[in-house]
């Protein structure tokens, strides 16, 4: 059974997300439509959070994500495929899952052109 660790919120989490965002843009390039820091570490007003940087990436073409796996592995990520949710690509990074990334296509997210 996995233990849940809670930590006091810290600005360091925002910096860690920004570093990862830059790295992921370099890997996924023009396929990225939007990227978001989600989950408890993204909530500045929260007192405690699990120390996991959750990242949501919206891409134009989910079918080519497998072509980035070599670069993702070099960046420390493990590819988990859809991992139980059709149309999603799931990646984790770190021995204790310090980063979790969810990738969906624009079509799956039903995002309007105004988004």
C-alpha atoms as a PDB file:
ATOM      1  CA  UNK A   1       0.000   0.000   0.000  1.00  0.00           C
ATOM      2  CA  UNK A   2       1.324   3.423  -0.967  1.00  0.00           C
ATOM      3  CA  UNK A   3       1.635   5.992   1.820  1.00  0.00           C
ATOM      4  CA  UNK A   4       0.314   9.460   1.148  1.00  0.00           C
ATOM      5  CA  UNK A   5       2.771  12.175   2.059  1.00  0.00           C
ATOM      6  CA  UNK A   6       1.522  15.710   2.685  1.00  0.00           C
ATOM      7  CA  UNK A   7       3.809  18.732   2.750  1.00  0.00           C
ATOM      8  CA  UNK A   8       3.336  22.416   3.440  1.00  0.00           C
ATOM      9  CA  UNK A   9       2.704  24.300   0.202  1.00  0.00           C
ATOM     10  CA  UNK A  10       5.838  25.877  -1.255  1.00  0.00           C
ATOM     11  CA  UNK A  11       6.616  28.214  -4.157  1.00  0.00           C
ATOM     12  CA  UNK A  12       9.219  25.651  -5.234  1.00  0.00           C
ATOM     13  CA  UNK A  13       6.405  23.607  -6.780  1.00  0.00           C
ATOM     14  CA  UNK A  14       5.600  26.403  -9.204  1.00  0.00           C
ATOM     15  CA  UNK A  15       9.277  26.607 -10.209  1.00  0.00           C
ATOM     16  CA  UNK A  16       9.412  22.824 -10.694  1.00  0.00           C
ATOM     17  CA  UNK A  17       6.338  22.995 -12.925  1.00  0.00           C
ATOM     18  CA  UNK A  18       7.823  25.828 -14.991  1.00  0.00           C
ATOM     19  CA  UNK A  19      11.046  23.844 -15.532  1.00  0.00           C
ATOM     20  CA  UNK A  20       9.044  20.823 -16.624  1.00  0.00           C
ATOM     21  CA  UNK A  21       6.807  22.901 -18.871  1.00  0.00           C
ATOM     22  CA  UNK A  22       9.865  24.242 -20.708  1.00  0.00           C
ATOM     23  CA  UNK A  23      11.312  20.730 -21.070  1.00  0.00           C
ATOM     24  CA  UNK A  24       8.042  19.266 -22.333  1.00  0.00           C
ATOM     25  CA  UNK A  25       7.591  22.055 -24.895  1.00  0.00           C
ATOM     26  CA  UNK A  26      11.057  21.199 -26.253  1.00  0.00           C
ATOM     27  CA  UNK A  27      10.114  17.527 -26.569  1.00  0.00           C
ATOM     28  CA  UNK A  28       6.519  17.775 -27.800  1.00  0.00           C
ATOM     29  CA  UNK A  29       7.090  20.938 -29.849  1.00  0.00           C
ATOM     30  CA  UNK A  30       4.231  22.122 -32.073  1.00  0.00           C
ATOM     31  CA  UNK A  31       1.972  19.271 -30.985  1.00  0.00           C
ATOM     32  CA  UNK A  32       1.287  21.128 -27.708  1.00  0.00           C
ATOM     33  CA  UNK A  33      -1.819  23.293 -27.718  1.00  0.00           C
ATOM     34  CA  UNK A  34      -1.992  24.004 -23.973  1.00  0.00           C
ATOM     35  CA  UNK A  35      -0.199  22.905 -20.835  1.00  0.00           C
ATOM     36  CA  UNK A  36      -1.464  23.310 -17.282  1.00  0.00           C
ATOM     37  CA  UNK A  37      -0.151  22.818 -13.768  1.00  0.00           C
ATOM     38  CA  UNK A  38      -3.016  20.975 -12.058  1.00  0.00           C
ATOM     39  CA  UNK A  39      -3.543  19.183  -8.768  1.00  0.00           C
ATOM     40  CA  UNK A  40      -2.868  20.261  -5.213  1.00  0.00           C
ATOM     41  CA  UNK A  41       0.619  21.680  -5.839  1.00  0.00           C
ATOM     42  CA  UNK A  42      -0.933  24.225  -8.215  1.00  0.00           C
ATOM     43  CA  UNK A  43      -3.221  25.694  -5.536  1.00  0.00           C
ATOM     44  CA  UNK A  44      -1.340  28.572  -3.914  1.00  0.00           C
ATOM     45  CA  UNK A  45      -3.837  29.002  -1.094  1.00  0.00           C
ATOM     46  CA  UNK A  46      -3.766  25.400   0.059  1.00  0.00           C
ATOM     47  CA  UNK A  47      -1.953  24.628   3.307  1.00  0.00           C
ATOM     48  CA  UNK A  48      -0.841  21.083   2.507  1.00  0.00           C
ATOM     49  CA  UNK A  49      -0.450  19.066  -0.673  1.00  0.00           C
ATOM     50  CA  UNK A  50       0.954  15.829  -1.981  1.00  0.00           C
ATOM     51  CA  UNK A  51       4.404  16.734  -3.347  1.00  0.00           C
ATOM     52  CA  UNK A  52       3.554  15.656  -6.885  1.00  0.00           C
ATOM     53  CA  UNK A  53       3.636  18.024  -9.853  1.00  0.00           C
ATOM     54  CA  UNK A  54       0.566  17.095 -11.926  1.00  0.00           C
ATOM     55  CA  UNK A  55       0.673  18.273 -15.519  1.00  0.00           C
ATOM     56  CA  UNK A  56      -2.144  18.271 -18.058  1.00  0.00           C
ATOM     57  CA  UNK A  57      -1.070  18.561 -21.687  1.00  0.00           C
ATOM     58  CA  UNK A  58      -3.503  19.103 -24.548  1.00  0.00           C
ATOM     59  CA  UNK A  59      -2.099  18.118 -27.928  1.00  0.00           C
ATOM     60  CA  UNK A  60      -3.314  18.358 -31.485  1.00  0.00           C
ATOM     61  CA  UNK A  61      -2.385  14.746 -32.331  1.00  0.00           C
ATOM     62  CA  UNK A  62      -2.467  12.102 -29.577  1.00  0.00           C
ATOM     63  CA  UNK A  63      -1.569   9.353 -32.064  1.00  0.00           C
ATOM     64  CA  UNK A  64       2.045  10.547 -32.431  1.00  0.00           C
ATOM     65  CA  UNK A  65       2.833  10.660 -28.694  1.00  0.00           C
ATOM     66  CA  UNK A  66       4.544   7.257 -28.935  1.00  0.00           C
ATOM     67  CA  UNK A  67       7.069   8.819 -31.331  1.00  0.00           C
ATOM     68  CA  UNK A  68       8.286  11.040 -28.449  1.00  0.00           C
ATOM     69  CA  UNK A  69       8.854   8.165 -26.004  1.00  0.00           C
ATOM     70  CA  UNK A  70      12.642   8.046 -26.510  1.00  0.00           C
ATOM     71  CA  UNK A  71      12.964  11.722 -25.577  1.00  0.00           C
ATOM     72  CA  UNK A  72      10.503  11.292 -22.698  1.00  0.00           C
ATOM     73  CA  UNK A  73      12.538   8.391 -21.294  1.00  0.00           C
ATOM     74  CA  UNK A  74      15.732  10.457 -21.618  1.00  0.00           C
ATOM     75  CA  UNK A  75      13.953  13.192 -19.623  1.00  0.00           C
ATOM     76  CA  UNK A  76      13.220  10.661 -16.856  1.00  0.00           C
ATOM     77  CA  UNK A  77       9.625   9.752 -17.695  1.00  0.00           C
ATOM     78  CA  UNK A  78       8.117   6.276 -17.868  1.00  0.00           C
ATOM     79  CA  UNK A  79       5.379   5.751 -20.444  1.00  0.00           C
ATOM     80  CA  UNK A  80       2.284   4.021 -19.055  1.00  0.00           C
ATOM     81  CA  UNK A  81       0.105   4.127 -22.191  1.00  0.00           C
ATOM     82  CA  UNK A  82      -3.573   4.871 -21.685  1.00  0.00           C
ATOM     83  CA  UNK A  83      -3.423   3.366 -18.175  1.00  0.00           C
ATOM     84  CA  UNK A  84      -7.140   2.653 -17.988  1.00  0.00           C
ATOM     85  CA  UNK A  85      -8.523   5.758 -19.697  1.00  0.00           C
ATOM     86  CA  UNK A  86      -9.098   5.454 -23.427  1.00  0.00           C
ATOM     87  CA  UNK A  87      -7.569   8.283 -25.433  1.00  0.00           C
ATOM     88  CA  UNK A  88      -5.195   9.388 -22.675  1.00  0.00           C
ATOM     89  CA  UNK A  89      -1.424   9.013 -22.493  1.00  0.00           C
ATOM     90  CA  UNK A  90      -0.009   8.781 -18.985  1.00  0.00           C
ATOM     91  CA  UNK A  91       3.617   9.377 -17.939  1.00  0.00           C
ATOM     92  CA  UNK A  92       5.317   9.390 -14.538  1.00  0.00           C
ATOM     93  CA  UNK A  93       8.709  10.739 -13.540  1.00  0.00           C
ATOM     94  CA  UNK A  94      10.831  10.021 -10.514  1.00  0.00           C
ATOM     95  CA  UNK A  95      11.234   7.109  -8.139  1.00  0.00           C
ATOM     96  CA  UNK A  96       8.342   8.388  -6.030  1.00  0.00           C
ATOM     97  CA  UNK A  97       6.292   9.780  -8.918  1.00  0.00           C
ATOM     98  CA  UNK A  98       7.375  13.380  -8.358  1.00  0.00           C
ATOM     99  CA  UNK A  99       5.800  14.344 -11.696  1.00  0.00           C
ATOM    100  CA  UNK A 100       2.685  12.927 -13.308  1.00  0.00           C
ATOM    101  CA  UNK A 101       1.635  13.923 -16.799  1.00  0.00           C
ATOM    102  CA  UNK A 102      -1.719  13.364 -18.466  1.00  0.00           C
ATOM    103  CA  UNK A 103      -1.895  13.936 -22.214  1.00  0.00           C
ATOM    104  CA  UNK A 104      -5.200  14.275 -24.069  1.00  0.00           C
ATOM    105  CA  UNK A 105      -6.040  15.379 -27.577  1.00  0.00           C
ATOM    106  CA  UNK A 106      -7.896  18.603 -28.203  1.00  0.00           C
ATOM    107  CA  UNK A 107     -10.791  16.557 -29.585  1.00  0.00           C
ATOM    108  CA  UNK A 108     -11.002  14.469 -26.403  1.00  0.00           C
ATOM    109  CA  UNK A 109     -11.027  17.573 -24.238  1.00  0.00           C
ATOM    110  CA  UNK A 110     -13.767  19.175 -26.380  1.00  0.00           C
ATOM    111  CA  UNK A 111     -11.929  22.459 -26.282  1.00  0.00           C
ATOM    112  CA  UNK A 112     -13.429  25.290 -28.263  1.00  0.00           C
ATOM    113  CA  UNK A 113     -11.368  27.505 -30.546  1.00  0.00           C
ATOM    114  CA  UNK A 114     -11.741  30.265 -27.936  1.00  0.00           C
ATOM    115  CA  UNK A 115      -9.846  28.260 -25.319  1.00  0.00           C
END
